[in-house]
N, C-alpha and C. Protein backbone atom coordinates (compact mmCIF):
# COMPACT_ATOMS: atom_id res chain seq x y z
N ALA A 1 55.96 -6.79 22.57
CA ALA A 1 54.81 -7.55 22.15
C ALA A 1 53.63 -7.12 22.98
N GLY A 2 52.43 -7.20 22.42
CA GLY A 2 51.25 -6.79 23.16
C GLY A 2 50.90 -5.34 22.92
N ASP A 3 51.85 -4.52 22.44
CA ASP A 3 51.54 -3.14 22.14
C ASP A 3 50.94 -3.07 20.74
N THR A 4 49.96 -2.20 20.58
CA THR A 4 49.37 -2.02 19.26
C THR A 4 49.65 -0.61 18.81
N ALA A 5 49.88 -0.46 17.55
CA ALA A 5 50.14 0.86 17.00
C ALA A 5 48.83 1.64 16.92
N ALA A 6 48.95 2.96 16.90
CA ALA A 6 47.75 3.79 16.82
C ALA A 6 47.03 3.50 15.51
N GLY A 7 45.72 3.38 15.58
CA GLY A 7 44.94 3.14 14.37
C GLY A 7 44.66 1.67 14.13
N ASP A 8 45.34 0.77 14.86
CA ASP A 8 45.04 -0.64 14.69
C ASP A 8 43.67 -0.93 15.29
N THR A 9 42.98 -1.85 14.67
CA THR A 9 41.67 -2.23 15.20
C THR A 9 41.78 -3.59 15.84
N THR A 10 40.98 -3.80 16.82
CA THR A 10 40.93 -5.08 17.49
C THR A 10 39.54 -5.66 17.36
N ALA A 11 39.36 -6.86 17.81
CA ALA A 11 38.09 -7.55 17.66
C ALA A 11 36.99 -6.91 18.50
N ASP A 12 37.35 -6.18 19.56
CA ASP A 12 36.31 -5.62 20.41
C ASP A 12 36.04 -4.15 20.12
N ASP A 13 36.32 -3.67 18.92
CA ASP A 13 35.93 -2.31 18.55
C ASP A 13 34.42 -2.25 18.38
N THR A 14 33.86 -1.07 18.45
CA THR A 14 32.41 -0.92 18.32
C THR A 14 31.96 -0.76 16.88
N ASP A 15 32.87 -0.68 15.93
CA ASP A 15 32.50 -0.54 14.52
C ASP A 15 31.87 -1.85 14.05
N PRO A 16 30.59 -1.83 13.64
CA PRO A 16 29.93 -3.07 13.27
C PRO A 16 30.38 -3.61 11.92
N GLY A 17 31.12 -2.83 11.15
CA GLY A 17 31.56 -3.30 9.84
C GLY A 17 30.44 -3.16 8.83
N PRO A 18 30.57 -3.81 7.71
CA PRO A 18 29.52 -3.69 6.68
C PRO A 18 28.23 -4.31 7.18
N GLN A 19 27.15 -3.62 6.91
CA GLN A 19 25.84 -4.11 7.33
C GLN A 19 25.32 -5.12 6.33
N ALA A 20 24.58 -6.08 6.84
CA ALA A 20 23.97 -7.07 5.97
C ALA A 20 22.84 -6.42 5.19
N ALA A 21 22.66 -6.84 3.97
CA ALA A 21 21.58 -6.30 3.15
C ALA A 21 20.25 -6.75 3.72
N PRO A 22 19.26 -5.86 3.74
CA PRO A 22 17.95 -6.27 4.26
C PRO A 22 17.34 -7.33 3.36
N SER A 23 16.67 -8.27 3.99
CA SER A 23 16.04 -9.32 3.20
C SER A 23 14.67 -8.84 2.73
N GLY A 24 14.19 -9.43 1.70
CA GLY A 24 12.88 -9.06 1.16
C GLY A 24 13.03 -8.03 0.05
N PRO A 25 11.88 -7.56 -0.45
CA PRO A 25 11.95 -6.61 -1.55
C PRO A 25 12.50 -5.27 -1.10
N ALA A 26 13.15 -4.58 -2.00
CA ALA A 26 13.71 -3.28 -1.69
C ALA A 26 12.58 -2.31 -1.40
N SER A 27 12.72 -1.54 -0.35
CA SER A 27 11.68 -0.58 -0.01
C SER A 27 12.22 0.81 -0.29
N TYR A 28 11.53 1.54 -1.12
CA TYR A 28 11.90 2.90 -1.42
C TYR A 28 10.60 3.68 -1.62
N ARG A 29 10.72 4.96 -1.41
CA ARG A 29 9.55 5.81 -1.58
C ARG A 29 9.54 6.35 -2.99
N ARG A 30 8.37 6.43 -3.56
CA ARG A 30 8.22 6.96 -4.90
C ARG A 30 7.13 8.02 -4.85
N LEU A 31 7.39 9.15 -5.47
CA LEU A 31 6.43 10.23 -5.48
C LEU A 31 5.37 9.95 -6.54
N LEU A 32 4.16 9.74 -6.08
CA LEU A 32 3.03 9.48 -6.96
C LEU A 32 1.88 10.40 -6.55
N ARG A 33 1.04 10.75 -7.50
CA ARG A 33 -0.16 11.51 -7.15
C ARG A 33 -1.14 10.57 -6.48
N GLY A 34 -1.67 11.03 -5.36
CA GLY A 34 -2.66 10.23 -4.64
C GLY A 34 -4.06 10.63 -5.06
N GLU A 35 -4.99 10.30 -4.20
CA GLU A 35 -6.37 10.70 -4.44
C GLU A 35 -6.59 12.03 -3.75
N GLY A 36 -7.27 12.91 -4.40
CA GLY A 36 -7.52 14.21 -3.82
C GLY A 36 -8.66 14.90 -4.53
N PRO A 37 -9.10 16.02 -3.98
CA PRO A 37 -10.24 16.70 -4.58
C PRO A 37 -9.96 17.32 -5.94
N ILE A 38 -8.70 17.66 -6.25
CA ILE A 38 -8.42 18.28 -7.55
C ILE A 38 -7.61 17.32 -8.41
N SER A 39 -6.35 17.09 -8.06
CA SER A 39 -5.53 16.22 -8.89
C SER A 39 -4.73 15.20 -8.10
N GLY A 40 -4.69 15.32 -6.80
CA GLY A 40 -3.95 14.39 -5.98
C GLY A 40 -2.51 14.78 -5.73
N VAL A 41 -2.08 15.96 -6.19
CA VAL A 41 -0.70 16.40 -5.99
C VAL A 41 -0.42 16.57 -4.50
N ALA A 42 -1.30 17.25 -3.78
CA ALA A 42 -1.09 17.48 -2.36
C ALA A 42 -1.10 16.16 -1.59
N GLY A 43 -2.02 15.26 -1.95
CA GLY A 43 -2.07 13.95 -1.30
C GLY A 43 -0.81 13.14 -1.56
N GLY A 44 -0.31 13.20 -2.79
CA GLY A 44 0.92 12.47 -3.12
C GLY A 44 2.13 13.05 -2.39
N LEU A 45 2.21 14.38 -2.33
CA LEU A 45 3.31 15.00 -1.58
C LEU A 45 3.23 14.66 -0.10
N ALA A 46 2.02 14.68 0.43
CA ALA A 46 1.85 14.35 1.85
C ALA A 46 2.25 12.91 2.14
N GLU A 47 1.89 12.01 1.26
CA GLU A 47 2.26 10.61 1.46
C GLU A 47 3.77 10.43 1.35
N TYR A 48 4.38 11.12 0.40
CA TYR A 48 5.83 11.00 0.20
C TYR A 48 6.60 11.52 1.41
N PHE A 49 6.17 12.67 1.92
CA PHE A 49 6.87 13.26 3.07
C PHE A 49 6.30 12.81 4.40
N ARG A 50 5.31 11.93 4.37
CA ARG A 50 4.70 11.34 5.57
C ARG A 50 4.15 12.40 6.52
N VAL A 51 3.35 13.29 5.96
CA VAL A 51 2.66 14.30 6.75
C VAL A 51 1.18 14.26 6.39
N ASP A 52 0.38 14.98 7.17
CA ASP A 52 -1.05 15.04 6.93
C ASP A 52 -1.32 15.83 5.64
N PRO A 53 -2.19 15.34 4.76
CA PRO A 53 -2.47 16.05 3.52
C PRO A 53 -3.04 17.45 3.76
N THR A 54 -3.72 17.66 4.87
CA THR A 54 -4.27 18.98 5.16
C THR A 54 -3.16 20.01 5.31
N ILE A 55 -2.06 19.61 5.91
CA ILE A 55 -0.93 20.53 6.09
C ILE A 55 -0.38 20.95 4.72
N VAL A 56 -0.27 20.00 3.81
CA VAL A 56 0.25 20.32 2.47
C VAL A 56 -0.73 21.22 1.74
N ARG A 57 -2.02 20.93 1.85
CA ARG A 57 -3.02 21.76 1.16
C ARG A 57 -3.03 23.19 1.70
N VAL A 58 -2.94 23.34 3.03
CA VAL A 58 -2.90 24.68 3.62
C VAL A 58 -1.63 25.40 3.15
N GLY A 59 -0.52 24.68 3.09
CA GLY A 59 0.73 25.28 2.61
C GLY A 59 0.63 25.73 1.16
N LEU A 60 -0.05 24.94 0.33
CA LEU A 60 -0.22 25.33 -1.07
C LEU A 60 -1.10 26.57 -1.20
N VAL A 61 -2.16 26.63 -0.41
CA VAL A 61 -3.03 27.81 -0.46
C VAL A 61 -2.27 29.03 0.04
N ALA A 62 -1.56 28.89 1.16
CA ALA A 62 -0.78 30.03 1.69
C ALA A 62 0.29 30.46 0.69
N GLY A 63 0.94 29.50 0.07
CA GLY A 63 1.96 29.83 -0.92
C GLY A 63 1.37 30.53 -2.13
N THR A 64 0.17 30.13 -2.51
CA THR A 64 -0.49 30.79 -3.64
C THR A 64 -0.85 32.22 -3.29
N LEU A 65 -1.36 32.44 -2.08
CA LEU A 65 -1.76 33.78 -1.68
C LEU A 65 -0.55 34.69 -1.46
N LEU A 66 0.53 34.12 -0.94
CA LEU A 66 1.70 34.93 -0.59
C LEU A 66 2.79 34.92 -1.65
N GLY A 67 2.84 33.88 -2.45
CA GLY A 67 3.97 33.72 -3.35
C GLY A 67 3.74 34.11 -4.79
N GLY A 68 2.54 34.54 -5.10
CA GLY A 68 2.30 34.92 -6.48
C GLY A 68 2.06 33.72 -7.37
N PRO A 69 2.35 33.85 -8.64
CA PRO A 69 1.99 32.80 -9.60
C PRO A 69 2.91 31.58 -9.60
N ILE A 70 4.01 31.62 -8.88
CA ILE A 70 4.96 30.49 -8.94
C ILE A 70 4.36 29.22 -8.35
N VAL A 71 3.57 29.31 -7.29
CA VAL A 71 3.01 28.11 -6.67
C VAL A 71 1.96 27.47 -7.57
N PRO A 72 1.00 28.22 -8.12
CA PRO A 72 0.05 27.56 -9.03
C PRO A 72 0.72 26.97 -10.27
N ILE A 73 1.74 27.66 -10.78
CA ILE A 73 2.46 27.12 -11.95
C ILE A 73 3.18 25.83 -11.56
N GLY A 74 3.80 25.82 -10.39
CA GLY A 74 4.46 24.61 -9.91
C GLY A 74 3.47 23.48 -9.67
N TYR A 75 2.27 23.83 -9.18
CA TYR A 75 1.24 22.82 -8.94
C TYR A 75 0.82 22.17 -10.26
N VAL A 76 0.57 23.01 -11.28
CA VAL A 76 0.16 22.47 -12.58
C VAL A 76 1.29 21.65 -13.19
N ALA A 77 2.53 22.09 -13.01
CA ALA A 77 3.67 21.31 -13.53
C ALA A 77 3.76 19.97 -12.80
N ALA A 78 3.55 19.98 -11.49
CA ALA A 78 3.58 18.71 -10.74
C ALA A 78 2.44 17.80 -11.18
N TRP A 79 1.30 18.38 -11.46
CA TRP A 79 0.15 17.62 -11.94
C TRP A 79 0.50 16.93 -13.25
N ALA A 80 1.23 17.61 -14.11
CA ALA A 80 1.58 17.05 -15.41
C ALA A 80 2.73 16.06 -15.33
N ILE A 81 3.66 16.26 -14.39
CA ILE A 81 4.88 15.45 -14.35
C ILE A 81 4.75 14.22 -13.46
N ILE A 82 4.16 14.37 -12.28
CA ILE A 82 4.10 13.28 -11.30
C ILE A 82 3.09 12.24 -11.79
N PRO A 83 3.51 10.98 -11.89
CA PRO A 83 2.56 9.95 -12.34
C PRO A 83 1.51 9.68 -11.27
N SER A 84 0.33 9.27 -11.71
CA SER A 84 -0.72 8.95 -10.75
C SER A 84 -0.48 7.56 -10.19
N ALA A 85 -0.93 7.38 -8.97
CA ALA A 85 -0.78 6.08 -8.31
C ALA A 85 -1.73 5.08 -8.95
N PRO A 86 -1.31 3.83 -9.03
CA PRO A 86 -2.23 2.83 -9.59
C PRO A 86 -3.42 2.66 -8.66
N PRO A 87 -4.57 2.33 -9.20
CA PRO A 87 -5.74 2.16 -8.34
C PRO A 87 -5.54 1.01 -7.38
N ALA A 88 -6.14 1.15 -6.23
CA ALA A 88 -6.04 0.10 -5.22
C ALA A 88 -6.75 -1.15 -5.74
N PRO A 89 -6.18 -2.32 -5.48
CA PRO A 89 -6.83 -3.54 -5.96
C PRO A 89 -8.17 -3.74 -5.25
N VAL A 90 -9.15 -4.13 -6.02
CA VAL A 90 -10.47 -4.38 -5.47
C VAL A 90 -10.54 -5.86 -5.10
N PRO A 91 -10.90 -6.14 -3.85
CA PRO A 91 -10.97 -7.55 -3.48
C PRO A 91 -12.08 -8.25 -4.26
N PRO A 92 -11.86 -9.49 -4.62
CA PRO A 92 -12.88 -10.20 -5.39
C PRO A 92 -14.14 -10.40 -4.56
N VAL A 93 -15.27 -10.35 -5.24
CA VAL A 93 -16.54 -10.57 -4.57
C VAL A 93 -16.76 -12.07 -4.47
N VAL A 94 -16.92 -12.54 -3.26
CA VAL A 94 -17.12 -13.96 -3.03
C VAL A 94 -18.59 -14.16 -2.71
N THR A 95 -19.25 -14.90 -3.56
CA THR A 95 -20.66 -15.19 -3.30
C THR A 95 -20.75 -16.50 -2.54
N PRO A 96 -21.56 -16.51 -1.52
CA PRO A 96 -21.68 -17.77 -0.76
C PRO A 96 -22.37 -18.82 -1.62
N PRO A 97 -22.07 -20.07 -1.38
CA PRO A 97 -22.72 -21.12 -2.18
C PRO A 97 -24.22 -21.12 -1.91
N ALA A 98 -24.97 -21.54 -2.90
CA ALA A 98 -26.42 -21.61 -2.76
C ALA A 98 -26.76 -22.68 -1.72
N PRO A 99 -27.81 -22.43 -0.95
CA PRO A 99 -28.19 -23.44 0.04
C PRO A 99 -28.67 -24.69 -0.69
N PRO A 100 -28.52 -25.83 -0.07
CA PRO A 100 -28.97 -27.07 -0.74
C PRO A 100 -30.48 -27.05 -0.93
N ALA A 101 -30.92 -27.69 -1.99
CA ALA A 101 -32.35 -27.76 -2.28
C ALA A 101 -33.02 -28.60 -1.19
N PRO A 102 -34.22 -28.21 -0.81
CA PRO A 102 -34.91 -29.01 0.22
C PRO A 102 -35.21 -30.41 -0.31
N LEU A 103 -35.15 -31.36 0.58
CA LEU A 103 -35.45 -32.74 0.19
C LEU A 103 -36.95 -32.89 -0.04
N GLN A 104 -37.28 -33.53 -1.13
CA GLN A 104 -38.70 -33.74 -1.41
C GLN A 104 -39.08 -35.12 -0.94
N ASP A 105 -40.32 -35.21 -0.45
CA ASP A 105 -40.82 -36.52 -0.03
C ASP A 105 -41.11 -37.34 -1.29
N THR A 106 -40.50 -38.47 -1.35
CA THR A 106 -40.76 -39.35 -2.49
C THR A 106 -41.76 -40.41 -2.03
N PRO A 107 -42.69 -40.68 -2.88
CA PRO A 107 -43.67 -41.70 -2.44
C PRO A 107 -42.97 -43.04 -2.28
N SER A 108 -43.28 -43.67 -1.20
CA SER A 108 -42.64 -44.96 -0.96
C SER A 108 -43.33 -46.02 -1.81
N VAL A 109 -42.58 -46.97 -2.26
CA VAL A 109 -43.12 -48.06 -3.08
C VAL A 109 -43.78 -49.02 -2.11
N PRO A 110 -45.05 -49.22 -2.35
CA PRO A 110 -45.72 -50.14 -1.41
C PRO A 110 -45.18 -51.55 -1.60
N ASP A 111 -45.00 -52.18 -0.46
CA ASP A 111 -44.53 -53.56 -0.52
C ASP A 111 -45.69 -54.43 -0.97
N GLY A 112 -45.47 -55.15 -2.00
CA GLY A 112 -46.51 -56.05 -2.49
C GLY A 112 -46.51 -57.34 -1.67
N PRO A 113 -47.43 -58.18 -2.02
CA PRO A 113 -47.45 -59.44 -1.27
C PRO A 113 -46.16 -60.22 -1.54
N ALA A 114 -45.66 -60.74 -0.52
CA ALA A 114 -44.42 -61.50 -0.64
C ALA A 114 -44.74 -62.80 -1.35
N THR A 115 -43.97 -63.10 -2.32
CA THR A 115 -44.18 -64.34 -3.05
C THR A 115 -43.06 -65.29 -2.71
N ALA A 116 -43.42 -66.46 -2.50
CA ALA A 116 -42.39 -67.45 -2.17
C ALA A 116 -42.00 -68.17 -3.43
N ALA A 117 -40.82 -68.42 -3.52
CA ALA A 117 -40.36 -69.08 -4.73
C ALA A 117 -40.22 -70.55 -4.54
């Protein structure tokens, strides 16, 4: 007694077991065209891969110069296939309330002679 066979697990193993599902909405990355000077393909790729858009743009130019027509054809295909990102929501314009109208002096009603009843 007290001996465990090889492969048995005990309560103090380091295996955490199944992980709990994260709470909140599912987070996943989606490839969308971003905003850019031509079509947003480079901006969308940069956002998807979490790199600077300038790096992607330089890579596309270098690939075009060195790789022949395959890079421009791929760029145009990506432009046609990758959906554009929805526009950013515009915050509503809140106009401050109008200032209150200035109080006008109303003529006071002169007190007439007091009459006794």
